[in-house]
Amino acid sequence: MSTHPHANPPHRPHLGELVHDHRTGRDGVYMGTQGGQLYLRPPGGGIEWTARPEHIRAVAGDGPQAHAQAG
């Protein structure tokens, strides 16, 4: 049996959750998943981009106040 140091499962965000895409270095609001890709949009609105689940982590302090402050 082998162990992998990065064995934690990817973060599974809920709709509207603010997440961080460590591949691009951007924070985005989770809009949905299609074909294994997560669709993110800038907190203040704008063009969506896609991210792989393993590149996403939750943003500390996410919630209604975090979205209001980000926008």
PDB file of N, CA and C in Angstrom:
ATOM      1  N   MET A   1       0.857  -1.191   0.000  1.00  0.00           N
ATOM      2  CA  MET A   1       0.000   0.000   0.000  1.00  0.00           C
ATOM      3  C   MET A   1       0.891   1.238   0.000  1.00  0.00           C
ATOM      4  N   SER A   2       0.668   2.125  -0.921  1.00  0.00           N
ATOM      5  CA  SER A   2       1.474   3.346  -0.982  1.00  0.00           C
ATOM      6  C   SER A   2       0.655   4.536  -0.506  1.00  0.00           C
ATOM      7  N   THR A   3       1.356   5.485   0.029  1.00  0.00           N
ATOM      8  CA  THR A   3       0.697   6.728   0.450  1.00  0.00           C
ATOM      9  C   THR A   3       1.243   7.850  -0.394  1.00  0.00           C
ATOM     10  N   HIS A   4       0.393   8.770  -0.705  1.00  0.00           N
ATOM     11  CA  HIS A   4       0.762   9.909  -1.532  1.00  0.00           C
ATOM     12  C   HIS A   4       0.651  11.153  -0.658  1.00  0.00           C
ATOM     13  N   PRO A   5       1.666  12.034  -0.645  1.00  0.00           N
ATOM     14  CA  PRO A   5       1.611  13.210   0.233  1.00  0.00           C
ATOM     15  C   PRO A   5       0.464  14.163  -0.095  1.00  0.00           C
ATOM     16  N   HIS A   6      -0.079  14.085  -1.312  1.00  0.00           N
ATOM     17  CA  HIS A   6      -1.173  14.967  -1.709  1.00  0.00           C
ATOM     18  C   HIS A   6      -2.465  14.168  -1.897  1.00  0.00           C
ATOM     19  N   ALA A   7      -2.726  13.264  -0.959  1.00  0.00           N
ATOM     20  CA  ALA A   7      -3.865  12.360  -1.087  1.00  0.00           C
ATOM     21  C   ALA A   7      -5.195  13.011  -0.709  1.00  0.00           C
ATOM     22  N   ASN A   8      -5.180  14.259  -0.260  1.00  0.00           N
ATOM     23  CA  ASN A   8      -6.431  14.918   0.089  1.00  0.00           C
ATOM     24  C   ASN A   8      -7.286  15.092  -1.161  1.00  0.00           C
ATOM     25  N   PRO A   9      -8.583  14.804  -1.049  1.00  0.00           N
ATOM     26  CA  PRO A   9      -9.444  14.990  -2.220  1.00  0.00           C
ATOM     27  C   PRO A   9      -9.574  16.470  -2.564  1.00  0.00           C
ATOM     28  N   PRO A  10      -9.852  16.791  -3.833  1.00  0.00           N
ATOM     29  CA  PRO A  10     -10.030  18.193  -4.220  1.00  0.00           C
ATOM     30  C   PRO A  10     -11.204  18.824  -3.472  1.00  0.00           C
ATOM     31  N   HIS A  11     -11.120  20.123  -3.272  1.00  0.00           N
ATOM     32  CA  HIS A  11     -12.216  20.868  -2.635  1.00  0.00           C
ATOM     33  C   HIS A  11     -13.422  20.818  -3.556  1.00  0.00           C
ATOM     34  N   ARG A  12     -14.601  20.571  -2.989  1.00  0.00           N
ATOM     35  CA  ARG A  12     -15.850  20.539  -3.762  1.00  0.00           C
ATOM     36  C   ARG A  12     -16.682  21.745  -3.352  1.00  0.00           C
ATOM     37  N   PRO A  13     -16.569  22.849  -4.079  1.00  0.00           N
ATOM     38  CA  PRO A  13     -17.275  24.071  -3.688  1.00  0.00           C
ATOM     39  C   PRO A  13     -18.775  23.985  -3.920  1.00  0.00           C
ATOM     40  N   HIS A  14     -19.509  24.835  -3.191  1.00  0.00           N
ATOM     41  CA  HIS A  14     -20.947  24.962  -3.434  1.00  0.00           C
ATOM     42  C   HIS A  14     -21.177  26.180  -4.337  1.00  0.00           C
ATOM     43  N   LEU A  15     -22.296  26.211  -5.029  1.00  0.00           N
ATOM     44  CA  LEU A  15     -22.600  27.323  -5.932  1.00  0.00           C
ATOM     45  C   LEU A  15     -22.492  28.655  -5.208  1.00  0.00           C
ATOM     46  N   GLY A  16     -21.817  29.596  -5.806  1.00  0.00           N
ATOM     47  CA  GLY A  16     -21.658  30.923  -5.233  1.00  0.00           C
ATOM     48  C   GLY A  16     -20.503  31.062  -4.261  1.00  0.00           C
ATOM     49  N   GLU A  17     -19.795  29.969  -3.987  1.00  0.00           N
ATOM     50  CA  GLU A  17     -18.680  30.016  -3.030  1.00  0.00           C
ATOM     51  C   GLU A  17     -17.466  30.698  -3.652  1.00  0.00           C
ATOM     52  N   LEU A  18     -16.794  31.504  -2.855  1.00  0.00           N
ATOM     53  CA  LEU A  18     -15.559  32.139  -3.285  1.00  0.00           C
ATOM     54  C   LEU A  18     -14.414  31.148  -3.086  1.00  0.00           C
ATOM     55  N   VAL A  19     -13.682  30.881  -4.164  1.00  0.00           N
ATOM     56  CA  VAL A  19     -12.575  29.933  -4.120  1.00  0.00           C
ATOM     57  C   VAL A  19     -11.331  30.579  -4.714  1.00  0.00           C
ATOM     58  N   HIS A  20     -10.190  29.944  -4.484  1.00  0.00           N
ATOM     59  CA  HIS A  20      -8.923  30.428  -5.039  1.00  0.00           C
ATOM     60  C   HIS A  20      -8.401  29.402  -6.037  1.00  0.00           C
ATOM     61  N   ASP A  21      -8.067  29.854  -7.221  1.00  0.00           N
ATOM     62  CA  ASP A  21      -7.478  29.021  -8.266  1.00  0.00           C
ATOM     63  C   ASP A  21      -5.973  29.228  -8.193  1.00  0.00           C
ATOM     64  N   HIS A  22      -5.261  28.260  -7.620  1.00  0.00           N
ATOM     65  CA  HIS A  22      -3.820  28.471  -7.423  1.00  0.00           C
ATOM     66  C   HIS A  22      -3.045  28.381  -8.730  1.00  0.00           C
ATOM     67  N   ARG A  23      -3.646  27.863  -9.790  1.00  0.00           N
ATOM     68  CA  ARG A  23      -2.975  27.837 -11.093  1.00  0.00           C
ATOM     69  C   ARG A  23      -2.857  29.246 -11.665  1.00  0.00           C
ATOM     70  N   THR A  24      -3.935  30.036 -11.537  1.00  0.00           N
ATOM     71  CA  THR A  24      -3.925  31.391 -12.089  1.00  0.00           C
ATOM     72  C   THR A  24      -3.614  32.448 -11.040  1.00  0.00           C
ATOM     73  N   GLY A  25      -3.735  32.081  -9.758  1.00  0.00           N
ATOM     74  CA  GLY A  25      -3.518  33.040  -8.675  1.00  0.00           C
ATOM     75  C   GLY A  25      -4.713  33.947  -8.439  1.00  0.00           C
ATOM     76  N   ARG A  26      -5.869  33.598  -9.009  1.00  0.00           N
ATOM     77  CA  ARG A  26      -7.062  34.440  -8.905  1.00  0.00           C
ATOM     78  C   ARG A  26      -8.101  33.827  -7.983  1.00  0.00           C
ATOM     79  N   ASP A  27      -8.880  34.700  -7.356  1.00  0.00           N
ATOM     80  CA  ASP A  27     -10.071  34.277  -6.629  1.00  0.00           C
ATOM     81  C   ASP A  27     -11.243  34.348  -7.587  1.00  0.00           C
ATOM     82  N   GLY A  28     -12.181  33.419  -7.431  1.00  0.00           N
ATOM     83  CA  GLY A  28     -13.353  33.413  -8.290  1.00  0.00           C
ATOM     84  C   GLY A  28     -14.549  32.825  -7.571  1.00  0.00           C
ATOM     85  N   VAL A  29     -15.723  33.162  -8.053  1.00  0.00           N
ATOM     86  CA  VAL A  29     -16.976  32.634  -7.525  1.00  0.00           C
ATOM     87  C   VAL A  29     -17.321  31.389  -8.342  1.00  0.00           C
ATOM     88  N   TYR A  30     -17.568  30.287  -7.646  1.00  0.00           N
ATOM     89  CA  TYR A  30     -17.888  29.032  -8.310  1.00  0.00           C
ATOM     90  C   TYR A  30     -19.280  29.115  -8.915  1.00  0.00           C
ATOM     91  N   MET A  31     -19.365  28.866 -10.249  1.00  0.00           N
ATOM     92  CA  MET A  31     -20.619  28.976 -10.980  1.00  0.00           C
ATOM     93  C   MET A  31     -21.201  27.623 -11.370  1.00  0.00           C
ATOM     94  N   GLY A  32     -20.384  26.585 -11.402  1.00  0.00           N
ATOM     95  CA  GLY A  32     -20.869  25.266 -11.776  1.00  0.00           C
ATOM     96  C   GLY A  32     -19.748  24.409 -12.337  1.00  0.00           C
ATOM     97  N   THR A  33     -20.091  23.157 -12.642  1.00  0.00           N
ATOM     98  CA  THR A  33     -19.130  22.204 -13.201  1.00  0.00           C
ATOM     99  C   THR A  33     -19.721  21.588 -14.460  1.00  0.00           C
ATOM    100  N   GLN A  34     -18.886  21.442 -15.463  1.00  0.00           N
ATOM    101  CA  GLN A  34     -19.299  20.765 -16.683  1.00  0.00           C
ATOM    102  C   GLN A  34     -18.081  20.043 -17.246  1.00  0.00           C
ATOM    103  N   GLY A  35     -18.238  18.766 -17.536  1.00  0.00           N
ATOM    104  CA  GLY A  35     -17.146  17.996 -18.118  1.00  0.00           C
ATOM    105  C   GLY A  35     -15.922  17.917 -17.232  1.00  0.00           C
ATOM    106  N   GLY A  36     -16.114  17.961 -15.930  1.00  0.00           N
ATOM    107  CA  GLY A  36     -14.995  17.886 -15.002  1.00  0.00           C
ATOM    108  C   GLY A  36     -14.289  19.211 -14.756  1.00  0.00           C
ATOM    109  N   GLN A  37     -14.682  20.255 -15.463  1.00  0.00           N
ATOM    110  CA  GLN A  37     -14.086  21.583 -15.297  1.00  0.00           C
ATOM    111  C   GLN A  37     -14.983  22.442 -14.414  1.00  0.00           C
ATOM    112  N   LEU A  38     -14.383  23.185 -13.503  1.00  0.00           N
ATOM    113  CA  LEU A  38     -15.125  24.112 -12.665  1.00  0.00           C
ATOM    114  C   LEU A  38     -15.140  25.469 -13.363  1.00  0.00           C
ATOM    115  N   TYR A  39     -16.303  26.100 -13.384  1.00  0.00           N
ATOM    116  CA  TYR A  39     -16.448  27.419 -13.993  1.00  0.00           C
ATOM    117  C   TYR A  39     -16.447  28.459 -12.892  1.00  0.00           C
ATOM    118  N   LEU A  40     -15.524  29.407 -13.006  1.00  0.00           N
ATOM    119  CA  LEU A  40     -15.349  30.472 -12.018  1.00  0.00           C
ATOM    120  C   LEU A  40     -15.543  31.813 -12.693  1.00  0.00           C
ATOM    121  N   ARG A  41     -16.009  32.774 -11.907  1.00  0.00           N
ATOM    122  CA  ARG A  41     -16.219  34.137 -12.409  1.00  0.00           C
ATOM    123  C   ARG A  41     -15.591  35.096 -11.395  1.00  0.00           C
ATOM    124  N   PRO A  42     -14.976  36.183 -11.838  1.00  0.00           N
ATOM    125  CA  PRO A  42     -14.427  37.163 -10.896  1.00  0.00           C
ATOM    126  C   PRO A  42     -15.509  37.623  -9.912  1.00  0.00           C
ATOM    127  N   PRO A  43     -15.152  37.879  -8.650  1.00  0.00           N
ATOM    128  CA  PRO A  43     -16.149  38.262  -7.643  1.00  0.00           C
ATOM    129  C   PRO A  43     -16.999  39.470  -8.024  1.00  0.00           C
ATOM    130  N   GLY A  44     -16.461  40.431  -8.732  1.00  0.00           N
ATOM    131  CA  GLY A  44     -17.222  41.609  -9.115  1.00  0.00           C
ATOM    132  C   GLY A  44     -17.936  41.463 -10.447  1.00  0.00           C
ATOM    133  N   GLY A  45     -17.884  40.263 -11.034  1.00  0.00           N
ATOM    134  CA  GLY A  45     -18.472  40.030 -12.346  1.00  0.00           C
ATOM    135  C   GLY A  45     -17.387  40.025 -13.403  1.00  0.00           C
ATOM    136  N   GLY A  46     -17.705  39.499 -14.539  1.00  0.00           N
ATOM    137  CA  GLY A  46     -16.732  39.452 -15.626  1.00  0.00           C
ATOM    138  C   GLY A  46     -16.767  38.119 -16.334  1.00  0.00           C
ATOM    139  N   ILE A  47     -15.729  37.852 -17.079  1.00  0.00           N
ATOM    140  CA  ILE A  47     -15.663  36.662 -17.926  1.00  0.00           C
ATOM    141  C   ILE A  47     -15.267  35.443 -17.105  1.00  0.00           C
ATOM    142  N   GLU A  48     -16.047  34.368 -17.284  1.00  0.00           N
ATOM    143  CA  GLU A  48     -15.748  33.111 -16.606  1.00  0.00           C
ATOM    144  C   GLU A  48     -14.463  32.501 -17.144  1.00  0.00           C
ATOM    145  N   TRP A  49     -13.834  31.676 -16.306  1.00  0.00           N
ATOM    146  CA  TRP A  49     -12.730  30.843 -16.748  1.00  0.00           C
ATOM    147  C   TRP A  49     -12.923  29.468 -16.127  1.00  0.00           C
ATOM    148  N   THR A  50     -12.210  28.491 -16.647  1.00  0.00           N
ATOM    149  CA  THR A  50     -12.321  27.137 -16.130  1.00  0.00           C
ATOM    150  C   THR A  50     -11.094  26.789 -15.302  1.00  0.00           C
ATOM    151  N   ALA A  51     -11.310  25.880 -14.373  1.00  0.00           N
ATOM    152  CA  ALA A  51     -10.229  25.407 -13.513  1.00  0.00           C
ATOM    153  C   ALA A  51     -10.440  23.924 -13.242  1.00  0.00           C
ATOM    154  N   ARG A  52      -9.372  23.234 -13.016  1.00  0.00           N
ATOM    155  CA  ARG A  52      -9.457  21.827 -12.635  1.00  0.00           C
ATOM    156  C   ARG A  52      -9.689  21.751 -11.122  1.00  0.00           C
ATOM    157  N   PRO A  53     -10.439  20.756 -10.660  1.00  0.00           N
ATOM    158  CA  PRO A  53     -10.752  20.649  -9.230  1.00  0.00           C
ATOM    159  C   PRO A  53      -9.519  20.648  -8.329  1.00  0.00           C
ATOM    160  N   GLU A  54      -8.430  20.032  -8.767  1.00  0.00           N
ATOM    161  CA  GLU A  54      -7.232  19.973  -7.919  1.00  0.00           C
ATOM    162  C   GLU A  54      -6.519  21.314  -7.801  1.00  0.00           C
ATOM    163  N   HIS A  55      -6.904  22.303  -8.590  1.00  0.00           N
ATOM    164  CA  HIS A  55      -6.290  23.632  -8.518  1.00  0.00           C
ATOM    165  C   HIS A  55      -7.069  24.598  -7.627  1.00  0.00           C
ATOM    166  N   ILE A  56      -8.165  24.131  -7.048  1.00  0.00           N
ATOM    167  CA  ILE A  56      -9.068  24.996  -6.281  1.00  0.00           C
ATOM    168  C   ILE A  56      -8.961  24.732  -4.792  1.00  0.00           C
ATOM    169  N   ARG A  57      -9.024  25.806  -4.019  1.00  0.00           N
ATOM    170  CA  ARG A  57      -9.141  25.677  -2.565  1.00  0.00           C
ATOM    171  C   ARG A  57     -10.119  26.735  -2.083  1.00  0.00           C
ATOM    172  N   ALA A  58     -10.701  26.473  -0.926  1.00  0.00           N
ATOM    173  CA  ALA A  58     -11.646  27.420  -0.340  1.00  0.00           C
ATOM    174  C   ALA A  58     -10.900  28.678   0.099  1.00  0.00           C
ATOM    175  N   VAL A  59     -11.580  29.806   0.044  1.00  0.00           N
ATOM    176  CA  VAL A  59     -11.024  31.057   0.540  1.00  0.00           C
ATOM    177  C   VAL A  59     -11.489  31.213   1.983  1.00  0.00           C
ATOM    178  N   ALA A  60     -10.567  31.436   2.887  1.00  0.00           N
ATOM    179  CA  ALA A  60     -10.912  31.597   4.307  1.00  0.00           C
ATOM    180  C   ALA A  60     -11.865  32.766   4.484  1.00  0.00           C
ATOM    181  N   GLY A  61     -12.861  32.574   5.321  1.00  0.00           N
ATOM    182  CA  GLY A  61     -13.815  33.646   5.602  1.00  0.00           C
ATOM    183  C   GLY A  61     -14.870  33.802   4.537  1.00  0.00           C
ATOM    184  N   ASP A  62     -15.060  32.776   3.678  1.00  0.00           N
ATOM    185  CA  ASP A  62     -16.072  32.868   2.625  1.00  0.00           C
ATOM    186  C   ASP A  62     -17.452  32.939   3.253  1.00  0.00           C
ATOM    187  N   GLY A  63     -18.300  33.679   2.639  1.00  0.00           N
ATOM    188  CA  GLY A  63     -19.677  33.856   3.101  1.00  0.00           C
ATOM    189  C   GLY A  63     -20.230  35.118   2.505  1.00  0.00           C
ATOM    190  N   PRO A  64     -21.443  35.498   2.866  1.00  0.00           N
ATOM    191  CA  PRO A  64     -22.046  36.694   2.276  1.00  0.00           C
ATOM    192  C   PRO A  64     -21.207  37.944   2.451  1.00  0.00           C
ATOM    193  N   GLN A  65     -20.565  38.104   3.602  1.00  0.00           N
ATOM    194  CA  GLN A  65     -19.741  39.298   3.829  1.00  0.00           C
ATOM    195  C   GLN A  65     -18.525  39.301   2.909  1.00  0.00           C
ATOM    196  N   ALA A  66     -17.926  38.133   2.694  1.00  0.00           N
ATOM    197  CA  ALA A  66     -16.757  38.068   1.819  1.00  0.00           C
ATOM    198  C   ALA A  66     -17.110  38.473   0.397  1.00  0.00           C
ATOM    199  N   HIS A  67     -18.294  38.050  -0.083  1.00  0.00           N
ATOM    200  CA  HIS A  67     -18.732  38.417  -1.439  1.00  0.00           C
ATOM    201  C   HIS A  67     -19.026  39.907  -1.514  1.00  0.00           C
ATOM    202  N   ALA A  68     -19.637  40.471  -0.486  1.00  0.00           N
ATOM    203  CA  ALA A  68     -19.961  41.892  -0.483  1.00  0.00           C
ATOM    204  C   ALA A  68     -18.684  42.733  -0.489  1.00  0.00           C
ATOM    205  N   GLN A  69     -17.678  42.306   0.273  1.00  0.00           N
ATOM    206  CA  GLN A  69     -16.428  43.055   0.333  1.00  0.00           C
ATOM    207  C   GLN A  69     -15.632  42.909  -0.950  1.00  0.00           C
ATOM    208  N   ALA A  70     -15.721  41.721  -1.593  1.00  0.00           N
ATOM    209  CA  ALA A  70     -14.962  41.483  -2.810  1.00  0.00           C
ATOM    210  C   ALA A  70     -15.535  42.250  -3.989  1.00  0.00           C
ATOM    211  N   GLY A  71     -16.831  42.502  -3.981  1.00  0.00           N
ATOM    212  CA  GLY A  71     -17.471  43.146  -5.130  1.00  0.00           C
ATOM    213  C   GLY A  71     -17.475  44.592  -4.956  1.00  0.00           C
TER     214      GLY A  71
END
